[in-house]
Amino acid sequence: MDFLTQVWTKAATTTDAVPPAVVLPDAKPVEDTNTTKAVKDSAPPNKERKEWGYDLYPERRGEAFKPKWTRVLFGLEGQENIDRYKCEQNVYWCVKNGPLVKLMMGALRSSGCPMDLRRHISCEVCDPSVTGGYDPLLNQIVVCQNMAKNKSMVHGVLTHEMIHMFDYCNNDLDFRNVDHLACTEIRAANLAHCSFLSAMMQGDASPFNIKEAHQNCVKSKALASVLAVRNITHEQAVAAVERVFPKCYADLEPIGRRIRRNSTDQQKAFMEAPMYGYDVY
């Protein structure tokens, strides 16, 4: 628990409770915005919508995005239809060419939860703090068209959120349970994001602690994601991550291996999928 205690100490200036989010947002690196969204059986009232993260995804609230004229003037907003078209193009490319996305779609189909692109993936304008999210109420992945603007980022968002979808499909997962939330965030960070290079960028690794670099990166990302979507203290989030970390970190389904950056691990994982009983999409 020493590592996360250090992270908590560093963040002591921001220990105020963070509003929880229903959508598991996909956080950006160090601000990684792939976080999960947990909701109640019926549409939550306005206060609960904010507490469970709908404030990060305006279109989830049924609100049309309204660009600010000052940002339109500088070309930062006002092209939402073009951004949506480009986002959908990137999603389609990833489904056809992305090894991990193809693997995850095959695993979901083998698990009885086949995906329909038009039904289960939505490109939307989001809060700048997130790049994507998973809405378990609608069983839908959100790709933030204003933040994930290239194929690589979209591939990362889709893989991360599909891991949440896979967990929701195969397990009795309750996103309102902080331990369940911490576990699925650990798995997504472990399988889809963290490498020694990303750990170095986040400040979680150095040449002197290479062995622990990956675990530290996963803990940092999972901690950030839990805090982004739940109204709990840093100390409570640290405790939740530590409670479930050993078991959830060891669970590599359905990818079967931790992906190293700039390696052939993605292609190997895709080719090995049938060995684990998963369809090759």
C-alpha atoms as a PDB file:
ATOM      1  CA  MET A   1       0.000   0.000   0.000  1.00  0.00           C
ATOM      2  CA  ASP A   2       3.104   2.198   0.244  1.00  0.00           C
ATOM      3  CA  PHE A   3       2.962   3.296  -3.404  1.00  0.00           C
ATOM      4  CA  LEU A   4      -0.645   4.476  -3.351  1.00  0.00           C
ATOM      5  CA  THR A   5      -0.063   6.091   0.025  1.00  0.00           C
ATOM      6  CA  GLN A   6       2.650   8.157  -1.651  1.00  0.00           C
ATOM      7  CA  VAL A   7       0.274   9.040  -4.484  1.00  0.00           C
ATOM      8  CA  TRP A   8      -2.343  10.061  -1.929  1.00  0.00           C
ATOM      9  CA  THR A   9       0.191  12.214  -0.083  1.00  0.00           C
ATOM     10  CA  LYS A  10       1.156  13.971  -3.327  1.00  0.00           C
ATOM     11  CA  ALA A  11      -2.520  14.725  -3.955  1.00  0.00           C
ATOM     12  CA  ALA A  12      -3.163  15.954  -0.409  1.00  0.00           C
ATOM     13  CA  THR A  13      -3.909  19.426  -1.719  1.00  0.00           C
ATOM     14  CA  THR A  14      -6.899  18.024  -3.629  1.00  0.00           C
ATOM     15  CA  THR A  15      -8.397  15.667  -1.078  1.00  0.00           C
ATOM     16  CA  ASP A  16     -11.859  17.131  -1.382  1.00  0.00           C
ATOM     17  CA  ALA A  17     -14.418  14.532  -2.380  1.00  0.00           C
ATOM     18  CA  VAL A  18     -14.753  14.200  -6.132  1.00  0.00           C
ATOM     19  CA  PRO A  19     -18.247  13.763  -7.577  1.00  0.00           C
ATOM     20  CA  PRO A  20     -18.757  10.146  -8.656  1.00  0.00           C
ATOM     21  CA  ALA A  21     -19.490   9.356 -12.275  1.00  0.00           C
ATOM     22  CA  VAL A  22     -21.923   6.918 -13.726  1.00  0.00           C
ATOM     23  CA  VAL A  23     -19.949   6.635 -16.905  1.00  0.00           C
ATOM     24  CA  LEU A  24     -16.601   5.016 -16.492  1.00  0.00           C
ATOM     25  CA  PRO A  25     -14.470   7.711 -18.084  1.00  0.00           C
ATOM     26  CA  ASP A  26     -11.469   6.788 -20.111  1.00  0.00           C
ATOM     27  CA  ALA A  27      -8.806   9.006 -18.632  1.00  0.00           C
ATOM     28  CA  LYS A  28      -6.017  10.547 -20.646  1.00  0.00           C
ATOM     29  CA  PRO A  29      -2.431   9.571 -19.720  1.00  0.00           C
ATOM     30  CA  VAL A  30      -1.851  10.921 -16.276  1.00  0.00           C
ATOM     31  CA  GLU A  31      -5.225  12.447 -16.690  1.00  0.00           C
ATOM     32  CA  ASP A  32      -6.290   9.239 -18.281  1.00  0.00           C
ATOM     33  CA  THR A  33      -9.903   9.630 -19.004  1.00  0.00           C
ATOM     34  CA  ASN A  34     -11.143   6.160 -19.483  1.00  0.00           C
ATOM     35  CA  THR A  35     -13.486   6.003 -16.455  1.00  0.00           C
ATOM     36  CA  THR A  36     -16.492   3.877 -15.786  1.00  0.00           C
ATOM     37  CA  LYS A  37     -20.073   4.883 -15.430  1.00  0.00           C
ATOM     38  CA  ALA A  38     -22.351   3.320 -12.866  1.00  0.00           C
ATOM     39  CA  VAL A  39     -26.051   4.049 -12.724  1.00  0.00           C
ATOM     40  CA  LYS A  40     -29.270   3.049 -11.083  1.00  0.00           C
ATOM     41  CA  ASP A  41     -31.980   0.937 -12.661  1.00  0.00           C
ATOM     42  CA  SER A  42     -33.973   3.985 -13.715  1.00  0.00           C
ATOM     43  CA  ALA A  43     -32.766   7.308 -15.099  1.00  0.00           C
ATOM     44  CA  PRO A  44     -31.260   9.190 -12.120  1.00  0.00           C
ATOM     45  CA  PRO A  45     -32.469  12.652 -11.094  1.00  0.00           C
ATOM     46  CA  ASN A  46     -30.357  15.694 -11.849  1.00  0.00           C
ATOM     47  CA  LYS A  47     -28.325  15.566  -8.623  1.00  0.00           C
ATOM     48  CA  GLU A  48     -27.549  11.877  -9.041  1.00  0.00           C
ATOM     49  CA  ARG A  49     -26.709  12.390 -12.724  1.00  0.00           C
ATOM     50  CA  LYS A  50     -23.986  14.815 -11.689  1.00  0.00           C
ATOM     51  CA  GLU A  51     -22.790  12.549  -8.872  1.00  0.00           C
ATOM     52  CA  TRP A  52     -22.500   9.548 -11.183  1.00  0.00           C
ATOM     53  CA  GLY A  53     -20.605  11.358 -13.929  1.00  0.00           C
ATOM     54  CA  TYR A  54     -23.233  12.431 -16.438  1.00  0.00           C
ATOM     55  CA  ASP A  55     -21.808  15.934 -16.106  1.00  0.00           C
ATOM     56  CA  LEU A  56     -18.762  14.632 -18.019  1.00  0.00           C
ATOM     57  CA  TYR A  57     -20.971  13.539 -20.919  1.00  0.00           C
ATOM     58  CA  PRO A  58     -23.486  16.329 -21.705  1.00  0.00           C
ATOM     59  CA  GLU A  59     -25.229  14.394 -24.471  1.00  0.00           C
ATOM     60  CA  ARG A  60     -25.932  11.584 -21.978  1.00  0.00           C
ATOM     61  CA  ARG A  61     -28.187  14.107 -20.238  1.00  0.00           C
ATOM     62  CA  GLY A  62     -30.106  14.706 -23.443  1.00  0.00           C
ATOM     63  CA  GLU A  63     -28.600  18.135 -23.952  1.00  0.00           C
ATOM     64  CA  ALA A  64     -27.437  19.376 -27.338  1.00  0.00           C
ATOM     65  CA  PHE A  65     -23.891  20.710 -27.303  1.00  0.00           C
ATOM     66  CA  LYS A  66     -23.753  24.497 -27.658  1.00  0.00           C
ATOM     67  CA  PRO A  67     -20.351  25.823 -28.775  1.00  0.00           C
ATOM     68  CA  LYS A  68     -19.093  29.036 -27.222  1.00  0.00           C
ATOM     69  CA  TRP A  69     -18.616  31.851 -29.706  1.00  0.00           C
ATOM     70  CA  THR A  70     -15.170  32.682 -28.295  1.00  0.00           C
ATOM     71  CA  ARG A  71     -13.959  29.123 -28.971  1.00  0.00           C
ATOM     72  CA  VAL A  72     -15.642  29.120 -32.373  1.00  0.00           C
ATOM     73  CA  LEU A  73     -13.728  32.299 -33.190  1.00  0.00           C
ATOM     74  CA  PHE A  74     -10.411  30.509 -32.596  1.00  0.00           C
ATOM     75  CA  GLY A  75     -11.523  27.350 -34.395  1.00  0.00           C
ATOM     76  CA  LEU A  76     -11.697  25.263 -31.206  1.00  0.00           C
ATOM     77  CA  GLU A  77     -15.409  24.513 -31.522  1.00  0.00           C
ATOM     78  CA  GLY A  78     -18.154  24.741 -34.102  1.00  0.00           C
ATOM     79  CA  GLN A  79     -17.148  21.710 -36.189  1.00  0.00           C
ATOM     80  CA  GLU A  80     -18.945  19.074 -34.142  1.00  0.00           C
ATOM     81  CA  ASN A  81     -20.563  17.371 -37.158  1.00  0.00           C
ATOM     82  CA  ILE A  82     -17.183  17.055 -38.886  1.00  0.00           C
ATOM     83  CA  ASP A  83     -15.593  15.772 -35.675  1.00  0.00           C
ATOM     84  CA  ARG A  84     -18.337  13.183 -35.305  1.00  0.00           C
ATOM     85  CA  TYR A  85     -17.839  11.977 -38.879  1.00  0.00           C
ATOM     86  CA  LYS A  86     -14.060  11.669 -38.354  1.00  0.00           C
ATOM     87  CA  CYS A  87     -14.615   9.878 -35.061  1.00  0.00           C
ATOM     88  CA  GLU A  88     -16.964   7.354 -36.664  1.00  0.00           C
ATOM     89  CA  GLN A  89     -14.408   6.806 -39.435  1.00  0.00           C
ATOM     90  CA  ASN A  90     -11.728   6.078 -36.825  1.00  0.00           C
ATOM     91  CA  VAL A  91     -14.050   3.709 -34.957  1.00  0.00           C
ATOM     92  CA  TYR A  92     -14.771   1.793 -38.154  1.00  0.00           C
ATOM     93  CA  TRP A  93     -11.054   1.605 -38.983  1.00  0.00           C
ATOM     94  CA  CYS A  94     -10.268   0.241 -35.513  1.00  0.00           C
ATOM     95  CA  VAL A  95     -13.011  -2.386 -35.785  1.00  0.00           C
ATOM     96  CA  LYS A  96     -11.589  -3.562 -39.098  1.00  0.00           C
ATOM     97  CA  ASN A  97      -7.870  -3.234 -38.359  1.00  0.00           C
ATOM     98  CA  GLY A  98      -7.224  -2.882 -34.604  1.00  0.00           C
ATOM     99  CA  PRO A  99      -6.005  -6.234 -33.186  1.00  0.00           C
ATOM    100  CA  LEU A 100      -7.203  -5.617 -29.631  1.00  0.00           C
ATOM    101  CA  VAL A 101     -10.553  -4.190 -30.714  1.00  0.00           C
ATOM    102  CA  LYS A 102     -11.145  -7.184 -32.993  1.00  0.00           C
ATOM    103  CA  LEU A 103     -10.116  -9.529 -30.167  1.00  0.00           C
ATOM    104  CA  MET A 104     -12.460  -7.835 -27.681  1.00  0.00           C
ATOM    105  CA  MET A 105     -15.394  -7.905 -30.110  1.00  0.00           C
ATOM    106  CA  GLY A 106     -14.817 -11.607 -30.683  1.00  0.00           C
ATOM    107  CA  ALA A 107     -14.591 -12.243 -26.928  1.00  0.00           C
ATOM    108  CA  LEU A 108     -17.827 -10.338 -26.332  1.00  0.00           C
ATOM    109  CA  ARG A 109     -19.580 -12.317 -29.059  1.00  0.00           C
ATOM    110  CA  SER A 110     -18.302 -15.602 -27.591  1.00  0.00           C
ATOM    111  CA  SER A 111     -19.600 -14.484 -24.185  1.00  0.00           C
ATOM    112  CA  GLY A 112     -23.106 -13.911 -25.526  1.00  0.00           C
ATOM    113  CA  CYS A 113     -22.827 -10.128 -25.814  1.00  0.00           C
ATOM    114  CA  PRO A 114     -22.297  -9.395 -29.527  1.00  0.00           C
ATOM    115  CA  MET A 115     -21.688  -5.774 -30.477  1.00  0.00           C
ATOM    116  CA  ASP A 116     -23.561  -3.682 -33.007  1.00  0.00           C
ATOM    117  CA  LEU A 117     -21.559  -0.586 -33.933  1.00  0.00           C
ATOM    118  CA  ARG A 118     -24.645   1.569 -34.405  1.00  0.00           C
ATOM    119  CA  ARG A 119     -26.129   0.439 -31.100  1.00  0.00           C
ATOM    120  CA  HIS A 120     -23.171   0.043 -28.757  1.00  0.00           C
ATOM    121  CA  ILE A 121     -20.703   2.798 -29.759  1.00  0.00           C
ATOM    122  CA  SER A 122     -21.483   6.502 -29.797  1.00  0.00           C
ATOM    123  CA  CYS A 123     -19.235   9.447 -30.728  1.00  0.00           C
ATOM    124  CA  GLU A 124     -20.108  12.446 -28.569  1.00  0.00           C
ATOM    125  CA  VAL A 125     -18.773  15.748 -27.266  1.00  0.00           C
ATOM    126  CA  CYS A 126     -17.435  15.241 -23.736  1.00  0.00           C
ATOM    127  CA  ASP A 127     -15.786  17.129 -20.943  1.00  0.00           C
ATOM    128  CA  PRO A 128     -12.098  17.753 -21.827  1.00  0.00           C
ATOM    129  CA  SER A 129     -11.020  15.657 -18.820  1.00  0.00           C
ATOM    130  CA  VAL A 130     -12.121  12.382 -20.439  1.00  0.00           C
ATOM    131  CA  THR A 131     -11.570  10.637 -23.768  1.00  0.00           C
ATOM    132  CA  GLY A 132     -14.276   8.014 -23.456  1.00  0.00           C
ATOM    133  CA  GLY A 133     -16.589   6.136 -21.134  1.00  0.00           C
ATOM    134  CA  TYR A 134     -18.821   3.128 -20.626  1.00  0.00           C
ATOM    135  CA  ASP A 135     -22.507   3.559 -19.820  1.00  0.00           C
ATOM    136  CA  PRO A 136     -23.767   0.299 -18.238  1.00  0.00           C
ATOM    137  CA  LEU A 137     -27.351   1.566 -18.171  1.00  0.00           C
ATOM    138  CA  LEU A 138     -27.436   1.619 -21.973  1.00  0.00           C
ATOM    139  CA  ASN A 139     -24.585  -0.864 -22.397  1.00  0.00           C
ATOM    140  CA  GLN A 140     -22.924   1.678 -24.647  1.00  0.00           C
ATOM    141  CA  ILE A 141     -19.380   2.934 -25.184  1.00  0.00           C
ATOM    142  CA  VAL A 142     -18.842   6.672 -25.553  1.00  0.00           C
ATOM    143  CA  VAL A 143     -15.910   7.896 -27.671  1.00  0.00           C
ATOM    144  CA  CYS A 144     -15.200  11.556 -27.028  1.00  0.00           C
ATOM    145  CA  GLN A 145     -14.945  13.042 -30.504  1.00  0.00           C
ATOM    146  CA  ASN A 146     -13.453  16.303 -29.214  1.00  0.00           C
ATOM    147  CA  MET A 147     -10.600  14.529 -27.390  1.00  0.00           C
ATOM    148  CA  ALA A 148      -9.872  11.199 -29.122  1.00  0.00           C
ATOM    149  CA  LYS A 149      -9.002  12.553 -32.543  1.00  0.00           C
ATOM    150  CA  ASN A 150      -6.749   9.916 -34.064  1.00  0.00           C
ATOM    151  CA  LYS A 151      -6.873   6.176 -34.682  1.00  0.00           C
ATOM    152  CA  SER A 152      -4.418   5.350 -31.910  1.00  0.00           C
ATOM    153  CA  MET A 153      -6.415   7.178 -29.259  1.00  0.00           C
ATOM    154  CA  VAL A 154      -9.718   5.722 -30.464  1.00  0.00           C
ATOM    155  CA  HIS A 155      -8.184   2.230 -30.430  1.00  0.00           C
ATOM    156  CA  GLY A 156      -7.096   2.760 -26.825  1.00  0.00           C
ATOM    157  CA  VAL A 157     -10.503   4.096 -25.779  1.00  0.00           C
ATOM    158  CA  LEU A 158     -12.385   1.232 -27.438  1.00  0.00           C
ATOM    159  CA  THR A 159     -10.124  -1.425 -25.928  1.00  0.00           C
ATOM    160  CA  HIS A 160     -10.378   0.096 -22.448  1.00  0.00           C
ATOM    161  CA  GLU A 161     -14.149   0.455 -22.517  1.00  0.00           C
ATOM    162  CA  MET A 162     -14.665  -2.977 -24.092  1.00  0.00           C
ATOM    163  CA  ILE A 163     -12.884  -4.480 -21.091  1.00  0.00           C
ATOM    164  CA  HIS A 164     -15.501  -2.808 -18.880  1.00  0.00           C
ATOM    165  CA  MET A 165     -18.209  -4.134 -21.193  1.00  0.00           C
ATOM    166  CA  PHE A 166     -16.669  -7.634 -21.063  1.00  0.00           C
ATOM    167  CA  ASP A 167     -16.599  -7.545 -17.252  1.00  0.00           C
ATOM    168  CA  TYR A 168     -20.207  -6.355 -17.149  1.00  0.00           C
ATOM    169  CA  CYS A 169     -21.240  -9.132 -19.556  1.00  0.00           C
ATOM    170  CA  ASN A 170     -19.452 -11.979 -17.775  1.00  0.00           C
ATOM    171  CA  ASN A 171     -19.700 -11.046 -14.099  1.00  0.00           C
ATOM    172  CA  ASP A 172     -22.241  -9.814 -11.608  1.00  0.00           C
ATOM    173  CA  LEU A 173     -20.619  -6.385 -11.801  1.00  0.00           C
ATOM    174  CA  ASP A 174     -22.096  -3.498  -9.831  1.00  0.00           C
ATOM    175  CA  PHE A 175     -20.469  -0.175 -10.693  1.00  0.00           C
ATOM    176  CA  ARG A 176     -21.951   1.311  -7.525  1.00  0.00           C
ATOM    177  CA  ASN A 177     -19.722  -1.037  -5.530  1.00  0.00           C
ATOM    178  CA  VAL A 178     -16.345   0.677  -5.180  1.00  0.00           C
ATOM    179  CA  ASP A 179     -14.482  -2.646  -5.063  1.00  0.00           C
ATOM    180  CA  HIS A 180     -16.104  -3.784  -8.316  1.00  0.00           C
ATOM    181  CA  LEU A 181     -15.294  -0.430  -9.888  1.00  0.00           C
ATOM    182  CA  ALA A 182     -11.674  -0.551  -8.726  1.00  0.00           C
ATOM    183  CA  CYS A 183     -11.287  -4.091 -10.085  1.00  0.00           C
ATOM    184  CA  THR A 184     -12.529  -3.342 -13.595  1.00  0.00           C
ATOM    185  CA  GLU A 185     -10.396  -0.169 -13.727  1.00  0.00           C
ATOM    186  CA  ILE A 186      -7.336  -2.176 -12.656  1.00  0.00           C
ATOM    187  CA  ARG A 187      -8.009  -4.719 -15.395  1.00  0.00           C
ATOM    188  CA  ALA A 188      -8.492  -2.051 -18.065  1.00  0.00           C
ATOM    189  CA  ALA A 189      -5.296  -0.208 -17.101  1.00  0.00           C
ATOM    190  CA  ASN A 190      -3.381  -3.479 -16.839  1.00  0.00           C
ATOM    191  CA  LEU A 191      -4.436  -4.821 -20.245  1.00  0.00           C
ATOM    192  CA  ALA A 192      -4.893  -1.707 -22.342  1.00  0.00           C
ATOM    193  CA  HIS A 193      -2.613   1.075 -21.173  1.00  0.00           C
ATOM    194  CA  CYS A 194       0.327   0.711 -18.849  1.00  0.00           C
ATOM    195  CA  SER A 195       3.859   0.041 -20.018  1.00  0.00           C
ATOM    196  CA  PHE A 196       7.237   1.120 -18.661  1.00  0.00           C
ATOM    197  CA  LEU A 197       7.250   4.106 -21.034  1.00  0.00           C
ATOM    198  CA  SER A 198       3.816   5.299 -19.911  1.00  0.00           C
ATOM    199  CA  ALA A 199       4.834   4.757 -16.286  1.00  0.00           C
ATOM    200  CA  MET A 200       7.886   6.954 -16.842  1.00  0.00           C
ATOM    201  CA  MET A 201       5.694   9.652 -18.385  1.00  0.00           C
ATOM    202  CA  GLN A 202       3.415   9.525 -15.348  1.00  0.00           C
ATOM    203  CA  GLY A 203       6.339   9.682 -12.947  1.00  0.00           C
ATOM    204  CA  ASP A 204       5.612   6.229 -11.521  1.00  0.00           C
ATOM    205  CA  ALA A 205       8.843   4.581 -12.658  1.00  0.00           C
ATOM    206  CA  SER A 206      12.554   5.132 -12.919  1.00  0.00           C
ATOM    207  CA  PRO A 207      15.555   2.978 -13.837  1.00  0.00           C
ATOM    208  CA  PHE A 208      15.725   2.049 -10.145  1.00  0.00           C
ATOM    209  CA  ASN A 209      12.299   0.434  -9.798  1.00  0.00           C
ATOM    210  CA  ILE A 210      11.664  -1.154 -13.186  1.00  0.00           C
ATOM    211  CA  LYS A 211      10.215  -4.284 -11.604  1.00  0.00           C
ATOM    212  CA  GLU A 212       7.384  -2.355  -9.963  1.00  0.00           C
ATOM    213  CA  ALA A 213       6.857   0.163 -12.762  1.00  0.00           C
ATOM    214  CA  HIS A 214       3.928  -1.593 -14.394  1.00  0.00           C
ATOM    215  CA  GLN A 215       2.069  -2.263 -11.143  1.00  0.00           C
ATOM    216  CA  ASN A 216       2.576   1.339 -10.034  1.00  0.00           C
ATOM    217  CA  CYS A 217       1.249   2.613 -13.356  1.00  0.00           C
ATOM    218  CA  VAL A 218      -1.836   0.400 -13.078  1.00  0.00           C
ATOM    219  CA  LYS A 219      -2.487   1.529  -9.505  1.00  0.00           C
ATOM    220  CA  SER A 220      -2.131   5.199 -10.443  1.00  0.00           C
ATOM    221  CA  LYS A 221      -4.510   4.925 -13.365  1.00  0.00           C
ATOM    222  CA  ALA A 222      -7.075   2.871 -11.467  1.00  0.00           C
ATOM    223  CA  LEU A 223      -6.945   5.294  -8.541  1.00  0.00           C
ATOM    224  CA  ALA A 224      -7.470   8.299 -10.832  1.00  0.00           C
ATOM    225  CA  SER A 225     -10.399   6.583 -12.556  1.00  0.00           C
ATOM    226  CA  VAL A 226     -12.099   5.604  -9.289  1.00  0.00           C
ATOM    227  CA  LEU A 227     -11.766   9.139  -7.940  1.00  0.00           C
ATOM    228  CA  ALA A 228     -13.178  10.549 -11.171  1.00  0.00           C
ATOM    229  CA  VAL A 229     -16.357   8.511 -10.908  1.00  0.00           C
ATOM    230  CA  ARG A 230     -17.062   8.162  -7.200  1.00  0.00           C
ATOM    231  CA  ASN A 231     -17.651  10.714  -4.445  1.00  0.00           C
ATOM    232  CA  ILE A 232     -15.123   9.239  -2.029  1.00  0.00           C
ATOM    233  CA  THR A 233     -11.877  10.402  -0.438  1.00  0.00           C
ATOM    234  CA  HIS A 234      -8.415   9.548  -1.727  1.00  0.00           C
ATOM    235  CA  GLU A 235      -7.896   7.337   1.292  1.00  0.00           C
ATOM    236  CA  GLN A 236     -11.031   5.316   0.583  1.00  0.00           C
ATOM    237  CA  ALA A 237     -10.074   4.948  -3.097  1.00  0.00           C
ATOM    238  CA  VAL A 238      -6.554   3.828  -2.163  1.00  0.00           C
ATOM    239  CA  ALA A 239      -7.986   1.225   0.198  1.00  0.00           C
ATOM    240  CA  ALA A 240     -10.375  -0.103  -2.479  1.00  0.00           C
ATOM    241  CA  VAL A 241      -7.618  -0.421  -5.093  1.00  0.00           C
ATOM    242  CA  GLU A 242      -5.298  -2.191  -2.644  1.00  0.00           C
ATOM    243  CA  ARG A 243      -8.025  -4.592  -1.489  1.00  0.00           C
ATOM    244  CA  VAL A 244      -8.690  -5.999  -4.941  1.00  0.00           C
ATOM    245  CA  PHE A 245      -5.364  -5.393  -6.669  1.00  0.00           C
ATOM    246  CA  PRO A 246      -3.692  -8.833  -6.362  1.00  0.00           C
ATOM    247  CA  LYS A 247      -6.645 -10.763  -7.776  1.00  0.00           C
ATOM    248  CA  CYS A 248      -7.668  -8.250 -10.449  1.00  0.00           C
ATOM    249  CA  TYR A 249      -4.103  -7.568 -11.614  1.00  0.00           C
ATOM    250  CA  ALA A 250      -3.604 -11.298 -12.176  1.00  0.00           C
ATOM    251  CA  ASP A 251      -6.791 -11.588 -14.290  1.00  0.00           C
ATOM    252  CA  LEU A 252      -5.731 -11.215 -17.937  1.00  0.00           C
ATOM    253  CA  GLU A 253      -8.970 -12.313 -19.632  1.00  0.00           C
ATOM    254  CA  PRO A 254      -9.724 -12.076 -22.484  1.00  0.00           C
ATOM    255  CA  ILE A 255      -6.468 -10.653 -23.896  1.00  0.00           C
ATOM    256  CA  GLY A 256      -4.274 -13.186 -22.145  1.00  0.00           C
ATOM    257  CA  ARG A 257      -1.140 -11.028 -21.856  1.00  0.00           C
ATOM    258  CA  ARG A 258       0.023  -7.584 -20.844  1.00  0.00           C
ATOM    259  CA  ILE A 259       0.677  -5.489 -23.939  1.00  0.00           C
ATOM    260  CA  ARG A 260       4.108  -3.892 -24.272  1.00  0.00           C
ATOM    261  CA  ARG A 261       4.394  -0.722 -26.282  1.00  0.00           C
ATOM    262  CA  ASN A 262       6.099  -0.930 -29.690  1.00  0.00           C
ATOM    263  CA  SER A 263       5.942  -4.725 -29.701  1.00  0.00           C
ATOM    264  CA  THR A 264       4.036  -7.448 -31.543  1.00  0.00           C
ATOM    265  CA  ASP A 265       2.033  -8.307 -28.417  1.00  0.00           C
ATOM    266  CA  GLN A 266      -1.239  -7.019 -29.901  1.00  0.00           C
ATOM    267  CA  GLN A 267      -0.967  -9.266 -32.938  1.00  0.00           C
ATOM    268  CA  LYS A 268       0.083 -12.225 -30.786  1.00  0.00           C
ATOM    269  CA  ALA A 269      -2.866 -11.754 -28.459  1.00  0.00           C
ATOM    270  CA  PHE A 270      -5.242 -11.632 -31.441  1.00  0.00           C
ATOM    271  CA  MET A 271      -3.812 -14.822 -32.933  1.00  0.00           C
ATOM    272  CA  GLU A 272      -3.959 -16.606 -29.567  1.00  0.00           C
ATOM    273  CA  ALA A 273      -7.632 -15.734 -28.937  1.00  0.00           C
ATOM    274  CA  PRO A 274      -9.010 -19.017 -30.382  1.00  0.00           C
ATOM    275  CA  MET A 275      -6.813 -20.932 -27.908  1.00  0.00           C
ATOM    276  CA  TYR A 276      -8.860 -19.390 -25.113  1.00  0.00           C
ATOM    277  CA  GLY A 277     -12.142 -20.235 -26.812  1.00  0.00           C
ATOM    278  CA  TYR A 278     -12.834 -16.781 -28.218  1.00  0.00           C
ATOM    279  CA  ASP A 279     -14.001 -16.029 -31.749  1.00  0.00           C
ATOM    280  CA  VAL A 280     -11.656 -14.228 -34.121  1.00  0.00           C
ATOM    281  CA  TYR A 281     -13.738 -11.297 -35.302  1.00  0.00           C
END
